[in-house]
Amino acid sequence: MTFKEMMADKKIKRRACICWSLSLLPVLLTIFTSLPWHSAVLYSTWLLFAPFLYKVKVQYPDHFEEPLSQLRLEGKMLHVKQHQLEIADVSKVAIDKMNDHTAFIDFPYNMYGKLKFSFPLEQLPSVKTFFRQHCPHIQIVS
């Protein structure tokens, strides 16, 4: 299972849990108020099936053929795409294989999703080497 499939699966499970929890609310309202029982049953049924009625849209990251062109180190600042991060503020970076042809990089503890981009799988070792050489304190999460 890839990172993006895992995140989409988490969102579906979270929404399902919320909807299933909320489905008990109309039943309780029927008991404690004058809400008609058939309204409570219809609303509870809708909430039970709501998570399965729509699809989670997975957003694909920007793709760059040369990932090192998007990573630059100047003094105590790390430049990623058009954004700047202080190196001291970055503790972890997610770098992993996305599928058979692409890999991705993301900074989930800093600017989750904004700095995410994909690149050819062949470039994966060079991106990891960049962080190991220039930013040894940053933990690479795979």
C-alpha atoms as a PDB file:
ATOM      1  CA  MET A   1       0.000   0.000   0.000  1.00  0.00           C
ATOM      2  CA  THR A   2       1.415   3.353  -1.017  1.00  0.00           C
ATOM      3  CA  PHE A   3       1.530   6.472   1.147  1.00  0.00           C
ATOM      4  CA  LYS A   4      -1.319   8.193  -0.703  1.00  0.00           C
ATOM      5  CA  GLU A   5      -3.526   5.082  -0.553  1.00  0.00           C
ATOM      6  CA  MET A   6      -2.820   4.821   3.161  1.00  0.00           C
ATOM      7  CA  MET A   7      -3.790   8.480   3.726  1.00  0.00           C
ATOM      8  CA  ALA A   8      -6.994   8.067   1.673  1.00  0.00           C
ATOM      9  CA  ASP A   9      -7.837   4.912   3.640  1.00  0.00           C
ATOM     10  CA  LYS A  10      -7.327   6.782   6.935  1.00  0.00           C
ATOM     11  CA  LYS A  11      -9.682   9.561   5.791  1.00  0.00           C
ATOM     12  CA  ILE A  12     -12.378   7.052   4.826  1.00  0.00           C
ATOM     13  CA  LYS A  13     -12.090   5.245   8.172  1.00  0.00           C
ATOM     14  CA  ARG A  14     -12.173   8.532  10.107  1.00  0.00           C
ATOM     15  CA  ARG A  15     -15.283   9.734   8.254  1.00  0.00           C
ATOM     16  CA  ALA A  16     -16.974   6.362   8.711  1.00  0.00           C
ATOM     17  CA  CYS A  17     -16.272   6.392  12.435  1.00  0.00           C
ATOM     18  CA  ILE A  18     -17.686   9.914  12.783  1.00  0.00           C
ATOM     19  CA  CYS A  19     -20.803   9.065  10.771  1.00  0.00           C
ATOM     20  CA  TRP A  20     -21.412   5.829  12.680  1.00  0.00           C
ATOM     21  CA  SER A  21     -21.054   7.672  15.977  1.00  0.00           C
ATOM     22  CA  LEU A  22     -23.455  10.365  14.806  1.00  0.00           C
ATOM     23  CA  SER A  23     -25.975   7.739  13.688  1.00  0.00           C
ATOM     24  CA  LEU A  24     -26.740   7.070  17.356  1.00  0.00           C
ATOM     25  CA  LEU A  25     -27.749  10.692  17.919  1.00  0.00           C
ATOM     26  CA  PRO A  26     -31.192  10.506  16.225  1.00  0.00           C
ATOM     27  CA  VAL A  27     -32.020   7.367  18.184  1.00  0.00           C
ATOM     28  CA  LEU A  28     -31.172   9.143  21.425  1.00  0.00           C
ATOM     29  CA  LEU A  29     -33.132  12.208  20.342  1.00  0.00           C
ATOM     30  CA  THR A  30     -36.184  10.008  19.697  1.00  0.00           C
ATOM     31  CA  ILE A  31     -35.976   8.692  23.239  1.00  0.00           C
ATOM     32  CA  PHE A  32     -35.522  12.067  24.940  1.00  0.00           C
ATOM     33  CA  THR A  33     -37.543  14.387  22.627  1.00  0.00           C
ATOM     34  CA  SER A  34     -40.618  14.229  20.464  1.00  0.00           C
ATOM     35  CA  LEU A  35     -38.742  13.417  17.223  1.00  0.00           C
ATOM     36  CA  PRO A  36     -40.760  10.880  15.178  1.00  0.00           C
ATOM     37  CA  TRP A  37     -39.127   7.446  15.203  1.00  0.00           C
ATOM     38  CA  HIS A  38     -39.266   7.043  11.414  1.00  0.00           C
ATOM     39  CA  SER A  39     -37.252  10.287  10.952  1.00  0.00           C
ATOM     40  CA  ALA A  40     -34.632   9.003  13.357  1.00  0.00           C
ATOM     41  CA  VAL A  41     -34.387   5.672  11.525  1.00  0.00           C
ATOM     42  CA  LEU A  42     -34.021   7.356   8.116  1.00  0.00           C
ATOM     43  CA  TYR A  43     -31.392   9.794   9.336  1.00  0.00           C
ATOM     44  CA  SER A  44     -29.441   7.052  11.154  1.00  0.00           C
ATOM     45  CA  THR A  45     -29.524   4.849   8.059  1.00  0.00           C
ATOM     46  CA  TRP A  46     -28.242   7.699   5.890  1.00  0.00           C
ATOM     47  CA  LEU A  47     -25.397   8.372   8.343  1.00  0.00           C
ATOM     48  CA  LEU A  48     -24.433   4.687   8.382  1.00  0.00           C
ATOM     49  CA  PHE A  49     -23.989   4.605   4.600  1.00  0.00           C
ATOM     50  CA  ALA A  50     -22.772   8.192   4.016  1.00  0.00           C
ATOM     51  CA  PRO A  51     -19.019   7.346   4.082  1.00  0.00           C
ATOM     52  CA  PHE A  52     -19.490   4.938   1.159  1.00  0.00           C
ATOM     53  CA  LEU A  53     -21.538   7.290  -1.025  1.00  0.00           C
ATOM     54  CA  TYR A  54     -18.647   9.456  -2.174  1.00  0.00           C
ATOM     55  CA  LYS A  55     -15.042   8.867  -3.193  1.00  0.00           C
ATOM     56  CA  VAL A  56     -12.017  10.439  -1.577  1.00  0.00           C
ATOM     57  CA  LYS A  57     -10.120  12.437  -4.177  1.00  0.00           C
ATOM     58  CA  VAL A  58      -6.412  11.677  -4.003  1.00  0.00           C
ATOM     59  CA  GLN A  59      -4.295  14.642  -5.017  1.00  0.00           C
ATOM     60  CA  TYR A  60      -1.143  13.812  -6.875  1.00  0.00           C
ATOM     61  CA  PRO A  61       1.923  15.902  -6.080  1.00  0.00           C
ATOM     62  CA  ASP A  62       3.845  18.081  -8.527  1.00  0.00           C
ATOM     63  CA  HIS A  63       6.332  16.067 -10.566  1.00  0.00           C
ATOM     64  CA  PHE A  64       9.910  17.158 -11.271  1.00  0.00           C
ATOM     65  CA  GLU A  65      12.392  15.209 -13.385  1.00  0.00           C
ATOM     66  CA  GLU A  66      15.316  16.747 -11.455  1.00  0.00           C
ATOM     67  CA  PRO A  67      14.378  16.757  -7.758  1.00  0.00           C
ATOM     68  CA  LEU A  68      17.688  18.284  -6.661  1.00  0.00           C
ATOM     69  CA  SER A  69      16.775  21.383  -8.673  1.00  0.00           C
ATOM     70  CA  GLN A  70      13.934  21.894  -6.172  1.00  0.00           C
ATOM     71  CA  LEU A  71      16.139  21.388  -3.093  1.00  0.00           C
ATOM     72  CA  ARG A  72      18.734  23.964  -2.153  1.00  0.00           C
ATOM     73  CA  LEU A  73      20.615  24.792   1.026  1.00  0.00           C
ATOM     74  CA  GLU A  74      21.674  28.378   1.779  1.00  0.00           C
ATOM     75  CA  GLY A  75      23.152  28.963   5.191  1.00  0.00           C
ATOM     76  CA  LYS A  76      20.562  27.877   7.749  1.00  0.00           C
ATOM     77  CA  MET A  77      17.702  27.877   5.253  1.00  0.00           C
ATOM     78  CA  LEU A  78      16.434  24.935   3.236  1.00  0.00           C
ATOM     79  CA  HIS A  79      14.710  25.949   0.005  1.00  0.00           C
ATOM     80  CA  VAL A  80      12.078  23.499  -1.210  1.00  0.00           C
ATOM     81  CA  LYS A  81      10.263  24.488  -4.378  1.00  0.00           C
ATOM     82  CA  GLN A  82       9.433  28.175  -3.761  1.00  0.00           C
ATOM     83  CA  HIS A  83       9.313  27.873   0.033  1.00  0.00           C
ATOM     84  CA  GLN A  84      11.961  28.411   2.698  1.00  0.00           C
ATOM     85  CA  LEU A  85      12.326  26.426   5.900  1.00  0.00           C
ATOM     86  CA  GLU A  86      14.780  26.923   8.715  1.00  0.00           C
ATOM     87  CA  ILE A  87      16.840  23.757   8.964  1.00  0.00           C
ATOM     88  CA  ALA A  88      16.496  23.771  12.758  1.00  0.00           C
ATOM     89  CA  ASP A  89      12.681  23.545  12.392  1.00  0.00           C
ATOM     90  CA  VAL A  90      12.806  20.459  10.171  1.00  0.00           C
ATOM     91  CA  SER A  91      13.129  17.221  12.117  1.00  0.00           C
ATOM     92  CA  LYS A  92      11.723  14.661   9.659  1.00  0.00           C
ATOM     93  CA  VAL A  93      11.291  14.312   5.918  1.00  0.00           C
ATOM     94  CA  ALA A  94       9.265  11.596   4.187  1.00  0.00           C
ATOM     95  CA  ILE A  95      11.082  10.180   1.163  1.00  0.00           C
ATOM     96  CA  ASP A  96       9.771   6.960  -0.313  1.00  0.00           C
ATOM     97  CA  LYS A  97       8.791   5.017  -3.389  1.00  0.00           C
ATOM     98  CA  MET A  98       5.301   5.894  -4.669  1.00  0.00           C
ATOM     99  CA  ASN A  99       5.015   3.247  -7.387  1.00  0.00           C
ATOM    100  CA  ASP A 100       7.300   1.381  -9.816  1.00  0.00           C
ATOM    101  CA  HIS A 101       8.364   4.570 -11.608  1.00  0.00           C
ATOM    102  CA  THR A 102       8.083   7.442  -9.129  1.00  0.00           C
ATOM    103  CA  ALA A 103       9.128   8.435  -5.666  1.00  0.00           C
ATOM    104  CA  PHE A 104       7.982  11.334  -3.505  1.00  0.00           C
ATOM    105  CA  ILE A 105       9.235  13.735  -0.881  1.00  0.00           C
ATOM    106  CA  ASP A 106       7.133  15.510   1.740  1.00  0.00           C
ATOM    107  CA  PHE A 107       7.644  17.453   4.946  1.00  0.00           C
ATOM    108  CA  PRO A 108       4.696  16.165   7.007  1.00  0.00           C
ATOM    109  CA  TYR A 109       5.674  17.939  10.224  1.00  0.00           C
ATOM    110  CA  ASN A 110       6.277  21.354   8.662  1.00  0.00           C
ATOM    111  CA  MET A 111       4.110  22.262   5.691  1.00  0.00           C
ATOM    112  CA  TYR A 112       2.183  19.046   5.080  1.00  0.00           C
ATOM    113  CA  GLY A 113       1.284  18.677   1.432  1.00  0.00           C
ATOM    114  CA  LYS A 114       2.492  22.102   0.267  1.00  0.00           C
ATOM    115  CA  LEU A 115       6.066  20.990  -0.271  1.00  0.00           C
ATOM    116  CA  LYS A 116       5.244  17.514  -1.523  1.00  0.00           C
ATOM    117  CA  PHE A 117       6.477  16.562  -4.972  1.00  0.00           C
ATOM    118  CA  SER A 118       7.258  13.447  -6.920  1.00  0.00           C
ATOM    119  CA  PHE A 119      10.265  12.553  -9.019  1.00  0.00           C
ATOM    120  CA  PRO A 120      11.662   9.589 -11.004  1.00  0.00           C
ATOM    121  CA  LEU A 121      12.447   6.560  -8.873  1.00  0.00           C
ATOM    122  CA  GLU A 122      16.019   6.503 -10.202  1.00  0.00           C
ATOM    123  CA  GLN A 123      16.651   9.797  -8.357  1.00  0.00           C
ATOM    124  CA  LEU A 124      15.631   8.398  -4.948  1.00  0.00           C
ATOM    125  CA  PRO A 125      19.185   7.547  -3.765  1.00  0.00           C
ATOM    126  CA  SER A 126      20.507  11.003  -4.711  1.00  0.00           C
ATOM    127  CA  VAL A 127      17.705  12.770  -2.795  1.00  0.00           C
ATOM    128  CA  LYS A 128      18.360  10.661   0.301  1.00  0.00           C
ATOM    129  CA  THR A 129      22.093  11.325  -0.049  1.00  0.00           C
ATOM    130  CA  PHE A 130      21.418  15.085  -0.225  1.00  0.00           C
ATOM    131  CA  PHE A 131      19.718  15.005   3.176  1.00  0.00           C
ATOM    132  CA  ARG A 132      22.268  12.648   4.734  1.00  0.00           C
ATOM    133  CA  GLN A 133      25.191  14.859   3.662  1.00  0.00           C
ATOM    134  CA  HIS A 134      23.789  18.360   4.102  1.00  0.00           C
ATOM    135  CA  CYS A 135      21.212  17.849   6.873  1.00  0.00           C
ATOM    136  CA  PRO A 136      22.302  14.859   8.978  1.00  0.00           C
ATOM    137  CA  HIS A 137      20.009  15.820  11.895  1.00  0.00           C
ATOM    138  CA  ILE A 138      16.884  15.399   9.717  1.00  0.00           C
ATOM    139  CA  GLN A 139      15.394  11.921  10.044  1.00  0.00           C
ATOM    140  CA  ILE A 140      14.378  10.298   6.757  1.00  0.00           C
ATOM    141  CA  VAL A 141      11.046   8.519   7.117  1.00  0.00           C
ATOM    142  CA  SER A 142      10.301   5.848   4.518  1.00  0.00           C
END
